[in-house]
């Protein structure tokens, strides 16, 4: 068995960023519904806007999400195919792809 430390560190870091219930819910919601803004997430999650923004920043920093601006509103969308595979496996949801 070969140990590629860089590869295992990258995979571990990806799992760490997903290992929070709110972030996991955000990612699954984006997979199910496509792009979304913070206001919509706030209504669905019953979590403050500032808490959601902090979670989104971590996901964006990890390369899980991208942001598109429309007027004064930011829309977040899932961009990492590896994360899609993790969510599909975790929730047993065959046939899901990035919207």
N, C-alpha and C. Protein backbone atom coordinates (compact mmCIF):
# COMPACT_ATOMS: atom_id res chain seq x y z
N UNK A 1 0.85 -1.18 0.00
CA UNK A 1 0.00 0.00 0.00
C UNK A 1 0.89 1.24 0.00
N UNK A 2 0.60 2.15 -0.91
CA UNK A 2 1.40 3.37 -1.02
C UNK A 2 0.69 4.52 -0.33
N UNK A 3 1.44 5.29 0.44
CA UNK A 3 0.87 6.43 1.15
C UNK A 3 1.31 7.72 0.46
N UNK A 4 0.36 8.36 -0.20
CA UNK A 4 0.60 9.65 -0.84
C UNK A 4 0.04 10.71 0.11
N UNK A 5 0.90 11.28 0.92
CA UNK A 5 0.45 12.19 1.98
C UNK A 5 -0.34 13.37 1.44
N UNK A 6 0.10 13.94 0.34
CA UNK A 6 -0.59 15.11 -0.22
C UNK A 6 -2.03 14.74 -0.62
N UNK A 7 -2.19 13.62 -1.28
CA UNK A 7 -3.51 13.17 -1.71
C UNK A 7 -4.42 12.91 -0.51
N UNK A 8 -3.91 12.20 0.48
CA UNK A 8 -4.73 11.89 1.65
C UNK A 8 -5.05 13.13 2.47
N UNK A 9 -4.16 14.09 2.49
CA UNK A 9 -4.42 15.35 3.19
C UNK A 9 -5.53 16.12 2.47
N UNK A 10 -5.48 16.16 1.14
CA UNK A 10 -6.53 16.85 0.38
C UNK A 10 -7.90 16.22 0.61
N UNK A 11 -7.95 14.90 0.57
CA UNK A 11 -9.23 14.21 0.77
C UNK A 11 -9.73 14.41 2.19
N UNK A 12 -8.83 14.37 3.15
CA UNK A 12 -9.18 14.58 4.55
C UNK A 12 -9.73 15.99 4.76
N UNK A 13 -9.09 16.98 4.15
CA UNK A 13 -9.56 18.36 4.26
C UNK A 13 -10.95 18.54 3.67
N UNK A 14 -11.21 17.86 2.56
CA UNK A 14 -12.54 17.94 1.94
C UNK A 14 -13.59 17.34 2.87
N UNK A 15 -13.28 16.20 3.46
CA UNK A 15 -14.23 15.58 4.39
C UNK A 15 -14.44 16.43 5.63
N UNK A 16 -13.39 17.10 6.09
CA UNK A 16 -13.52 17.97 7.27
C UNK A 16 -14.49 19.12 7.01
N UNK A 17 -14.40 19.72 5.83
CA UNK A 17 -15.29 20.85 5.54
C UNK A 17 -16.74 20.40 5.41
N UNK A 18 -16.96 19.16 5.03
CA UNK A 18 -18.32 18.63 4.93
C UNK A 18 -18.85 18.11 6.25
N UNK A 19 -17.97 17.95 7.23
CA UNK A 19 -18.32 17.28 8.49
C UNK A 19 -18.99 18.20 9.50
N UNK A 20 -19.93 19.00 9.04
CA UNK A 20 -20.74 19.83 9.93
C UNK A 20 -22.18 19.72 9.43
N UNK A 21 -23.14 19.51 10.31
CA UNK A 21 -24.52 19.29 9.86
C UNK A 21 -25.08 20.41 8.98
N UNK A 22 -24.77 21.65 9.30
CA UNK A 22 -25.31 22.76 8.50
C UNK A 22 -24.65 22.79 7.12
N UNK A 23 -23.33 22.61 7.07
CA UNK A 23 -22.65 22.61 5.78
C UNK A 23 -23.11 21.43 4.93
N UNK A 24 -23.30 20.30 5.56
CA UNK A 24 -23.78 19.12 4.84
C UNK A 24 -25.18 19.38 4.27
N UNK A 25 -26.02 20.01 5.05
CA UNK A 25 -27.38 20.35 4.60
C UNK A 25 -27.34 21.36 3.45
N UNK A 26 -26.47 22.35 3.55
CA UNK A 26 -26.33 23.35 2.48
C UNK A 26 -25.92 22.66 1.18
N UNK A 27 -24.92 21.80 1.25
CA UNK A 27 -24.41 21.13 0.06
C UNK A 27 -25.49 20.22 -0.54
N UNK A 28 -26.17 19.47 0.30
CA UNK A 28 -27.23 18.59 -0.22
C UNK A 28 -28.36 19.42 -0.84
N UNK A 29 -28.71 20.53 -0.21
CA UNK A 29 -29.75 21.40 -0.77
C UNK A 29 -29.36 21.97 -2.12
N UNK A 30 -28.10 22.38 -2.26
CA UNK A 30 -27.63 22.90 -3.54
C UNK A 30 -27.62 21.81 -4.60
N UNK A 31 -27.28 20.60 -4.21
CA UNK A 31 -27.32 19.49 -5.15
C UNK A 31 -28.75 19.22 -5.61
N UNK A 32 -29.68 19.28 -4.69
CA UNK A 32 -31.09 19.01 -5.01
C UNK A 32 -31.75 20.13 -5.81
N UNK A 33 -31.40 21.40 -5.51
CA UNK A 33 -32.15 22.53 -6.06
C UNK A 33 -31.35 23.48 -6.94
N UNK A 34 -30.06 23.27 -7.07
CA UNK A 34 -29.25 24.17 -7.88
C UNK A 34 -28.83 25.40 -7.08
N UNK A 35 -28.60 26.52 -7.74
CA UNK A 35 -28.09 27.71 -7.06
C UNK A 35 -29.12 28.29 -6.10
N UNK A 36 -28.59 29.00 -5.11
CA UNK A 36 -29.46 29.51 -4.05
C UNK A 36 -28.78 30.71 -3.39
N UNK A 37 -29.58 31.62 -2.84
CA UNK A 37 -29.01 32.75 -2.10
C UNK A 37 -29.15 32.53 -0.60
N UNK A 38 -28.48 33.36 0.17
CA UNK A 38 -28.45 33.22 1.63
C UNK A 38 -29.84 33.38 2.23
N UNK A 39 -30.63 34.30 1.72
CA UNK A 39 -31.98 34.52 2.27
C UNK A 39 -32.83 33.26 2.18
N UNK A 40 -32.75 32.59 1.05
CA UNK A 40 -33.51 31.35 0.89
C UNK A 40 -33.01 30.28 1.86
N UNK A 41 -31.69 30.17 1.98
CA UNK A 41 -31.10 29.19 2.91
C UNK A 41 -31.52 29.49 4.34
N UNK A 42 -31.54 30.76 4.69
CA UNK A 42 -31.93 31.18 6.04
C UNK A 42 -33.35 30.69 6.36
N UNK A 43 -34.25 30.83 5.40
CA UNK A 43 -35.62 30.37 5.60
C UNK A 43 -35.73 28.86 5.73
N UNK A 44 -34.92 28.15 4.98
CA UNK A 44 -34.97 26.68 5.01
C UNK A 44 -34.30 26.09 6.25
N UNK A 45 -33.20 26.69 6.66
CA UNK A 45 -32.38 26.10 7.73
C UNK A 45 -32.72 26.61 9.12
N UNK A 46 -33.45 27.72 9.20
CA UNK A 46 -33.71 28.35 10.50
C UNK A 46 -32.42 28.65 11.26
N UNK A 47 -31.45 29.17 10.52
CA UNK A 47 -30.15 29.56 11.07
C UNK A 47 -29.92 31.00 10.64
N UNK A 48 -29.22 31.77 11.45
CA UNK A 48 -29.00 33.18 11.14
C UNK A 48 -28.20 33.37 9.85
N UNK A 49 -28.42 34.51 9.24
CA UNK A 49 -27.71 34.86 8.01
C UNK A 49 -26.21 34.85 8.23
N UNK A 50 -25.75 35.37 9.35
CA UNK A 50 -24.31 35.42 9.60
C UNK A 50 -23.71 34.02 9.75
N UNK A 51 -24.43 33.12 10.40
CA UNK A 51 -23.94 31.74 10.55
C UNK A 51 -23.86 31.06 9.19
N UNK A 52 -24.89 31.24 8.37
CA UNK A 52 -24.89 30.65 7.03
C UNK A 52 -23.73 31.20 6.21
N UNK A 53 -23.52 32.50 6.28
CA UNK A 53 -22.43 33.13 5.53
C UNK A 53 -21.07 32.57 5.94
N UNK A 54 -20.88 32.32 7.22
CA UNK A 54 -19.62 31.72 7.68
C UNK A 54 -19.44 30.32 7.11
N UNK A 55 -20.49 29.53 7.10
CA UNK A 55 -20.41 28.18 6.54
C UNK A 55 -20.15 28.24 5.03
N UNK A 56 -20.83 29.15 4.35
CA UNK A 56 -20.62 29.30 2.91
C UNK A 56 -19.18 29.70 2.60
N UNK A 57 -18.61 30.57 3.41
CA UNK A 57 -17.22 30.99 3.21
C UNK A 57 -16.27 29.80 3.31
N UNK A 58 -16.50 28.93 4.27
CA UNK A 58 -15.65 27.74 4.42
C UNK A 58 -15.80 26.81 3.22
N UNK A 59 -17.02 26.62 2.77
CA UNK A 59 -17.26 25.76 1.61
C UNK A 59 -16.65 26.35 0.34
N UNK A 60 -16.76 27.66 0.19
CA UNK A 60 -16.17 28.33 -0.98
C UNK A 60 -14.65 28.23 -0.95
N UNK A 61 -14.07 28.47 0.22
CA UNK A 61 -12.62 28.40 0.38
C UNK A 61 -12.08 27.00 0.06
N UNK A 62 -12.88 25.98 0.34
CA UNK A 62 -12.46 24.60 0.08
C UNK A 62 -12.72 24.17 -1.37
N UNK A 63 -13.27 25.07 -2.18
CA UNK A 63 -13.52 24.75 -3.58
C UNK A 63 -14.78 23.92 -3.81
N UNK A 64 -15.67 23.92 -2.84
CA UNK A 64 -16.92 23.16 -2.96
C UNK A 64 -17.97 23.97 -3.71
N UNK A 65 -17.98 25.28 -3.48
CA UNK A 65 -18.99 26.18 -4.05
C UNK A 65 -18.35 27.27 -4.89
N UNK A 66 -19.16 27.84 -5.76
CA UNK A 66 -18.79 29.09 -6.42
C UNK A 66 -19.92 30.09 -6.17
N UNK A 67 -19.63 31.35 -6.41
CA UNK A 67 -20.60 32.42 -6.17
C UNK A 67 -20.80 33.18 -7.47
N UNK A 68 -22.06 33.45 -7.79
CA UNK A 68 -22.39 34.31 -8.93
C UNK A 68 -23.25 35.44 -8.40
N UNK A 69 -22.91 36.64 -8.81
CA UNK A 69 -23.62 37.82 -8.34
C UNK A 69 -24.66 38.24 -9.37
N UNK A 70 -25.86 38.53 -8.89
CA UNK A 70 -26.93 39.06 -9.74
C UNK A 70 -27.52 40.26 -9.01
N UNK A 71 -27.20 41.45 -9.49
CA UNK A 71 -27.62 42.67 -8.79
C UNK A 71 -26.92 42.73 -7.44
N UNK A 72 -27.70 42.82 -6.38
CA UNK A 72 -27.13 42.86 -5.03
C UNK A 72 -27.11 41.50 -4.34
N UNK A 73 -27.47 40.46 -5.06
CA UNK A 73 -27.62 39.14 -4.44
C UNK A 73 -26.56 38.17 -4.94
N UNK A 74 -25.97 37.44 -4.02
CA UNK A 74 -25.03 36.37 -4.37
C UNK A 74 -25.77 35.04 -4.42
N UNK A 75 -25.52 34.30 -5.48
CA UNK A 75 -26.09 32.96 -5.62
C UNK A 75 -24.96 31.94 -5.55
N UNK A 76 -25.13 30.97 -4.70
CA UNK A 76 -24.12 29.95 -4.47
C UNK A 76 -24.51 28.69 -5.22
N UNK A 77 -23.51 28.03 -5.80
CA UNK A 77 -23.78 26.78 -6.49
C UNK A 77 -22.65 25.79 -6.27
N UNK A 78 -23.00 24.55 -6.29
CA UNK A 78 -22.07 23.46 -6.09
C UNK A 78 -21.24 23.27 -7.36
N UNK A 79 -19.91 23.18 -7.21
CA UNK A 79 -19.04 23.05 -8.38
C UNK A 79 -18.06 21.88 -8.30
N UNK A 80 -18.04 21.17 -7.20
CA UNK A 80 -17.06 20.11 -7.02
C UNK A 80 -17.70 18.74 -7.24
N UNK A 81 -17.35 18.07 -8.34
CA UNK A 81 -17.95 16.76 -8.64
C UNK A 81 -17.63 15.70 -7.58
N UNK A 82 -16.48 15.83 -6.93
CA UNK A 82 -16.12 14.89 -5.87
C UNK A 82 -17.12 14.96 -4.71
N UNK A 83 -17.53 16.16 -4.39
CA UNK A 83 -18.50 16.36 -3.31
C UNK A 83 -19.84 15.75 -3.70
N UNK A 84 -20.20 15.87 -4.96
CA UNK A 84 -21.45 15.27 -5.44
C UNK A 84 -21.41 13.76 -5.19
N UNK A 85 -20.29 13.13 -5.53
CA UNK A 85 -20.17 11.68 -5.33
C UNK A 85 -20.28 11.32 -3.85
N UNK A 86 -19.69 12.13 -2.98
CA UNK A 86 -19.77 11.87 -1.54
C UNK A 86 -21.21 11.97 -1.07
N UNK A 87 -21.92 13.02 -1.47
CA UNK A 87 -23.31 13.22 -1.05
C UNK A 87 -24.21 12.10 -1.58
N UNK A 88 -24.03 11.74 -2.83
CA UNK A 88 -24.82 10.66 -3.43
C UNK A 88 -24.61 9.37 -2.66
N UNK A 89 -23.37 9.07 -2.34
CA UNK A 89 -23.06 7.85 -1.58
C UNK A 89 -23.62 7.94 -0.17
N UNK A 90 -23.42 9.05 0.48
CA UNK A 90 -23.83 9.23 1.87
C UNK A 90 -25.34 9.12 2.03
N UNK A 91 -26.08 9.72 1.11
CA UNK A 91 -27.54 9.73 1.21
C UNK A 91 -28.21 8.73 0.26
N UNK A 92 -27.39 7.90 -0.40
CA UNK A 92 -27.90 6.86 -1.29
C UNK A 92 -28.87 7.43 -2.33
N UNK A 93 -28.40 8.45 -3.05
CA UNK A 93 -29.22 9.15 -4.04
C UNK A 93 -28.62 9.01 -5.43
N UNK A 94 -28.86 7.90 -6.07
CA UNK A 94 -28.33 7.65 -7.41
C UNK A 94 -28.88 8.66 -8.42
N UNK A 95 -28.08 8.95 -9.44
CA UNK A 95 -28.53 9.79 -10.54
C UNK A 95 -28.42 11.28 -10.31
N UNK A 96 -27.88 11.72 -9.19
CA UNK A 96 -27.74 13.16 -8.92
C UNK A 96 -26.47 13.68 -9.60
N UNK A 97 -26.55 14.92 -10.08
CA UNK A 97 -25.42 15.61 -10.67
C UNK A 97 -25.49 17.08 -10.29
N UNK A 98 -24.42 17.79 -10.59
CA UNK A 98 -24.43 19.23 -10.37
C UNK A 98 -25.47 19.84 -11.30
N UNK A 99 -26.33 20.68 -10.74
CA UNK A 99 -27.42 21.30 -11.53
C UNK A 99 -26.87 22.31 -12.50
